[in-house]
C-alpha atoms as a PDB file:
ATOM      1  CA  UNK A   1      36.445  57.314 334.575  1.00  0.00           C
ATOM      2  CA  UNK A   2      35.276  54.015 333.317  1.00  0.00           C
ATOM      3  CA  UNK A   3      33.437  55.646 330.612  1.00  0.00           C
ATOM      4  CA  UNK A   4      36.298  57.827 329.473  1.00  0.00           C
ATOM      5  CA  UNK A   5      38.654  54.862 329.177  1.00  0.00           C
ATOM      6  CA  UNK A   6      35.917  53.078 327.234  1.00  0.00           C
ATOM      7  CA  UNK A   7      35.632  55.984 324.913  1.00  0.00           C
ATOM      8  CA  UNK A   8      39.417  56.412 324.645  1.00  0.00           C
ATOM      9  CA  UNK A   9      39.841  52.545 323.654  1.00  0.00           C
ATOM     10  CA  UNK A  10      36.783  52.862 321.044  1.00  0.00           C
ATOM     11  CA  UNK A  11      38.597  55.892 319.554  1.00  0.00           C
ATOM     12  CA  UNK A  12      41.770  54.137 319.523  1.00  0.00           C
ATOM     13  CA  UNK A  13      40.258  51.101 317.651  1.00  0.00           C
ATOM     14  CA  UNK A  14      38.614  53.412 315.097  1.00  0.00           C
ATOM     15  CA  UNK A  15      41.861  55.308 314.510  1.00  0.00           C
ATOM     16  CA  UNK A  16      43.787  52.153 314.031  1.00  0.00           C
ATOM     17  CA  UNK A  17      41.148  50.869 311.583  1.00  0.00           C
ATOM     18  CA  UNK A  18      41.404  54.004 309.543  1.00  0.00           C
ATOM     19  CA  UNK A  19      45.147  53.626 309.375  1.00  0.00           C
ATOM     20  CA  UNK A  20      45.291  50.363 307.272  1.00  0.00           C
ATOM     21  CA  UNK A  21      48.501  50.045 305.128  1.00  0.00           C
ATOM     22  CA  UNK A  22      47.598  51.033 301.643  1.00  0.00           C
ATOM     23  CA  UNK A  23      50.311  49.398 300.205  1.00  0.00           C
ATOM     24  CA  UNK A  24      48.843  45.931 300.872  1.00  0.00           C
ATOM     25  CA  UNK A  25      46.057  46.288 298.372  1.00  0.00           C
ATOM     26  CA  UNK A  26      46.608  46.987 294.626  1.00  0.00           C
ATOM     27  CA  UNK A  27      45.159  50.224 292.709  1.00  0.00           C
ATOM     28  CA  UNK A  28      43.107  50.677 289.605  1.00  0.00           C
ATOM     29  CA  UNK A  29      45.053  51.188 286.352  1.00  0.00           C
ATOM     30  CA  UNK A  30      42.646  53.341 284.390  1.00  0.00           C
ATOM     31  CA  UNK A  31      44.124  51.714 281.175  1.00  0.00           C
ATOM     32  CA  UNK A  32      42.394  48.437 282.194  1.00  0.00           C
ATOM     33  CA  UNK A  33      39.013  49.909 282.459  1.00  0.00           C
ATOM     34  CA  UNK A  34      36.391  48.517 279.926  1.00  0.00           C
ATOM     35  CA  UNK A  35      35.104  45.408 278.352  1.00  0.00           C
ATOM     36  CA  UNK A  36      37.307  42.386 277.777  1.00  0.00           C
ATOM     37  CA  UNK A  37      35.897  39.843 275.585  1.00  0.00           C
ATOM     38  CA  UNK A  38      37.000  35.987 275.699  1.00  0.00           C
ATOM     39  CA  UNK A  39      39.345  35.270 273.020  1.00  0.00           C
ATOM     40  CA  UNK A  40      40.924  32.131 273.870  1.00  0.00           C
ATOM     41  CA  UNK A  41      40.312  29.003 275.906  1.00  0.00           C
ATOM     42  CA  UNK A  42      42.176  25.533 275.832  1.00  0.00           C
ATOM     43  CA  UNK A  43      42.933  22.612 278.208  1.00  0.00           C
ATOM     44  CA  UNK A  44      46.241  21.027 277.811  1.00  0.00           C
ATOM     45  CA  UNK A  45      47.603  17.771 279.213  1.00  0.00           C
ATOM     46  CA  UNK A  46      50.323  18.158 281.839  1.00  0.00           C
ATOM     47  CA  UNK A  47      51.493  21.355 283.846  1.00  0.00           C
ATOM     48  CA  UNK A  48      52.323  23.437 281.033  1.00  0.00           C
ATOM     49  CA  UNK A  49      49.558  25.467 278.992  1.00  0.00           C
ATOM     50  CA  UNK A  50      51.420  25.028 275.796  1.00  0.00           C
ATOM     51  CA  UNK A  51      51.445  22.515 272.798  1.00  0.00           C
ATOM     52  CA  UNK A  52      48.393  21.115 271.438  1.00  0.00           C
ATOM     53  CA  UNK A  53      45.030  21.567 273.356  1.00  0.00           C
ATOM     54  CA  UNK A  54      43.009  18.413 274.447  1.00  0.00           C
ATOM     55  CA  UNK A  55      39.914  17.789 272.294  1.00  0.00           C
ATOM     56  CA  UNK A  56      41.235  19.385 269.075  1.00  0.00           C
ATOM     57  CA  UNK A  57      41.048  22.970 267.990  1.00  0.00           C
ATOM     58  CA  UNK A  58      43.738  25.613 268.686  1.00  0.00           C
ATOM     59  CA  UNK A  59      41.918  27.323 271.452  1.00  0.00           C
ATOM     60  CA  UNK A  60      40.820  30.575 269.530  1.00  0.00           C
ATOM     61  CA  UNK A  61      37.116  31.834 270.665  1.00  0.00           C
ATOM     62  CA  UNK A  62      35.486  33.950 267.814  1.00  0.00           C
ATOM     63  CA  UNK A  63      32.367  35.801 268.084  1.00  0.00           C
ATOM     64  CA  UNK A  64      32.198  35.270 271.791  1.00  0.00           C
ATOM     65  CA  UNK A  65      29.451  36.597 274.109  1.00  0.00           C
ATOM     66  CA  UNK A  66      31.412  35.964 277.236  1.00  0.00           C
ATOM     67  CA  UNK A  67      33.001  39.083 278.712  1.00  0.00           C
ATOM     68  CA  UNK A  68      34.466  40.611 281.837  1.00  0.00           C
ATOM     69  CA  UNK A  69      33.759  44.529 282.221  1.00  0.00           C
ATOM     70  CA  UNK A  70      36.124  46.231 284.493  1.00  0.00           C
ATOM     71  CA  UNK A  71      34.570  49.512 286.003  1.00  0.00           C
ATOM     72  CA  UNK A  72      36.224  52.543 287.217  1.00  0.00           C
ATOM     73  CA  UNK A  73      34.978  52.147 290.668  1.00  0.00           C
ATOM     74  CA  UNK A  74      36.825  49.041 291.286  1.00  0.00           C
ATOM     75  CA  UNK A  75      33.768  46.528 290.362  1.00  0.00           C
ATOM     76  CA  UNK A  76      33.582  44.201 287.777  1.00  0.00           C
ATOM     77  CA  UNK A  77      30.740  42.067 285.937  1.00  0.00           C
ATOM     78  CA  UNK A  78      30.854  38.870 284.099  1.00  0.00           C
ATOM     79  CA  UNK A  79      28.528  38.441 281.061  1.00  0.00           C
ATOM     80  CA  UNK A  80      27.964  35.109 279.212  1.00  0.00           C
ATOM     81  CA  UNK A  81      25.153  33.112 277.363  1.00  0.00           C
ATOM     82  CA  UNK A  82      24.950  30.680 280.457  1.00  0.00           C
ATOM     83  CA  UNK A  83      25.037  31.678 283.931  1.00  0.00           C
ATOM     84  CA  UNK A  84      25.465  35.358 283.783  1.00  0.00           C
ATOM     85  CA  UNK A  85      22.985  36.482 281.287  1.00  0.00           C
ATOM     86  CA  UNK A  86      22.233  40.178 280.929  1.00  0.00           C
ATOM     87  CA  UNK A  87      20.360  42.142 282.616  1.00  0.00           C
ATOM     88  CA  UNK A  88      20.249  39.729 285.509  1.00  0.00           C
ATOM     89  CA  UNK A  89      23.808  39.370 286.006  1.00  0.00           C
ATOM     90  CA  UNK A  90      24.092  42.840 287.381  1.00  0.00           C
ATOM     91  CA  UNK A  91      22.404  41.571 290.657  1.00  0.00           C
ATOM     92  CA  UNK A  92      23.890  38.204 290.762  1.00  0.00           C
ATOM     93  CA  UNK A  93      26.604  37.726 293.191  1.00  0.00           C
ATOM     94  CA  UNK A  94      28.066  34.964 291.246  1.00  0.00           C
ATOM     95  CA  UNK A  95      28.700  37.348 288.147  1.00  0.00           C
ATOM     96  CA  UNK A  96      30.384  40.411 289.787  1.00  0.00           C
ATOM     97  CA  UNK A  97      32.874  41.258 292.393  1.00  0.00           C
ATOM     98  CA  UNK A  98      35.745  43.881 292.801  1.00  0.00           C
ATOM     99  CA  UNK A  99      38.889  44.184 290.803  1.00  0.00           C
ATOM    100  CA  UNK A 100      42.301  45.975 291.513  1.00  0.00           C
ATOM    101  CA  UNK A 101      45.705  45.950 289.507  1.00  0.00           C
ATOM    102  CA  UNK A 102      49.335  46.160 290.163  1.00  0.00           C
ATOM    103  CA  UNK A 103      52.189  46.262 287.523  1.00  0.00           C
ATOM    104  CA  UNK A 104      50.837  44.015 284.806  1.00  0.00           C
ATOM    105  CA  UNK A 105      48.401  42.065 286.782  1.00  0.00           C
ATOM    106  CA  UNK A 106      44.529  42.205 287.262  1.00  0.00           C
ATOM    107  CA  UNK A 107      43.151  40.493 290.377  1.00  0.00           C
ATOM    108  CA  UNK A 108      39.226  39.715 290.336  1.00  0.00           C
ATOM    109  CA  UNK A 109      37.553  38.837 293.632  1.00  0.00           C
ATOM    110  CA  UNK A 110      34.235  37.227 293.169  1.00  0.00           C
ATOM    111  CA  UNK A 111      31.389  38.801 295.417  1.00  0.00           C
ATOM    112  CA  UNK A 112      29.628  35.568 296.231  1.00  0.00           C
ATOM    113  CA  UNK A 113      32.452  34.036 298.122  1.00  0.00           C
ATOM    114  CA  UNK A 114      36.096  35.236 298.405  1.00  0.00           C
ATOM    115  CA  UNK A 115      37.784  33.725 295.528  1.00  0.00           C
ATOM    116  CA  UNK A 116      40.278  35.699 293.802  1.00  0.00           C
ATOM    117  CA  UNK A 117      41.795  34.897 290.200  1.00  0.00           C
ATOM    118  CA  UNK A 118      45.004  36.760 289.091  1.00  0.00           C
ATOM    119  CA  UNK A 119      45.415  37.588 285.551  1.00  0.00           C
ATOM    120  CA  UNK A 120      48.460  38.381 283.579  1.00  0.00           C
ATOM    121  CA  UNK A 121      48.254  41.419 281.293  1.00  0.00           C
ATOM    122  CA  UNK A 122      50.200  41.834 278.162  1.00  0.00           C
ATOM    123  CA  UNK A 123      50.208  44.231 275.115  1.00  0.00           C
ATOM    124  CA  UNK A 124      51.312  43.455 271.483  1.00  0.00           C
ATOM    125  CA  UNK A 125      50.652  45.825 268.565  1.00  0.00           C
ATOM    126  CA  UNK A 126      48.360  48.021 270.684  1.00  0.00           C
ATOM    127  CA  UNK A 127      46.063  44.864 271.771  1.00  0.00           C
ATOM    128  CA  UNK A 128      45.939  44.316 275.545  1.00  0.00           C
ATOM    129  CA  UNK A 129      45.226  40.730 276.633  1.00  0.00           C
ATOM    130  CA  UNK A 130      44.614  39.337 280.190  1.00  0.00           C
ATOM    131  CA  UNK A 131      45.368  35.652 280.580  1.00  0.00           C
ATOM    132  CA  UNK A 132      44.956  33.122 283.353  1.00  0.00           C
ATOM    133  CA  UNK A 133      46.390  29.607 283.792  1.00  0.00           C
ATOM    134  CA  UNK A 134      44.955  27.123 286.040  1.00  0.00           C
ATOM    135  CA  UNK A 135      46.507  23.719 287.110  1.00  0.00           C
ATOM    136  CA  UNK A 136      44.196  21.087 288.046  1.00  0.00           C
ATOM    137  CA  UNK A 137      43.227  17.461 287.345  1.00  0.00           C
ATOM    138  CA  UNK A 138      41.019  15.613 285.173  1.00  0.00           C
ATOM    139  CA  UNK A 139      39.482  12.033 285.441  1.00  0.00           C
ATOM    140  CA  UNK A 140      38.130  10.087 282.786  1.00  0.00           C
ATOM    141  CA  UNK A 141      37.596   6.115 282.729  1.00  0.00           C
ATOM    142  CA  UNK A 142      39.225   6.124 286.121  1.00  0.00           C
ATOM    143  CA  UNK A 143      42.590   7.426 284.909  1.00  0.00           C
ATOM    144  CA  UNK A 144      43.385  10.902 286.466  1.00  0.00           C
ATOM    145  CA  UNK A 145      45.766  13.337 284.548  1.00  0.00           C
ATOM    146  CA  UNK A 146      47.168  16.535 285.237  1.00  0.00           C
ATOM    147  CA  UNK A 147      45.821  19.510 283.236  1.00  0.00           C
ATOM    148  CA  UNK A 148      46.382  23.274 282.477  1.00  0.00           C
ATOM    149  CA  UNK A 149      43.495  25.336 281.496  1.00  0.00           C
ATOM    150  CA  UNK A 150      44.292  28.762 279.783  1.00  0.00           C
ATOM    151  CA  UNK A 151      41.762  31.577 279.490  1.00  0.00           C
ATOM    152  CA  UNK A 152      42.480  34.581 277.662  1.00  0.00           C
ATOM    153  CA  UNK A 153      40.272  37.878 277.246  1.00  0.00           C
ATOM    154  CA  UNK A 154      41.144  40.851 274.923  1.00  0.00           C
ATOM    155  CA  UNK A 155      40.248  44.497 275.473  1.00  0.00           C
ATOM    156  CA  UNK A 156      37.781  46.073 273.195  1.00  0.00           C
END
């Protein structure tokens, strides 16, 4: 009898785990699959990612080798010229992860540690862009200021 109860309990746990609420996770928008190349990167003083970027320039990135490739299977791969250099980046847990989407958002979750970043997706004149704004602090010469860092990738 005890063996039957254990079997029923085990089956109940397996059945319950198989019935997760699929509403809690996003799907994969097929329109987002492909290579996204870094097109903008700027840091601003304050909590608003607008105005004049710190350090000069307008934030536009030309001829970038930094990209994020979103795959149809829900995986993604970062490529750049520093840490995530091809072809070794494909096996580096710090350069890959999973992605999902909902409405106009793309959520990337890194494989190495469960950190997620949520990009806002916009489209203008047939060009799709995903952008991320991060608030933080920067200390220089003992003075700490609030900053906003904006990064955008354009779909190829």
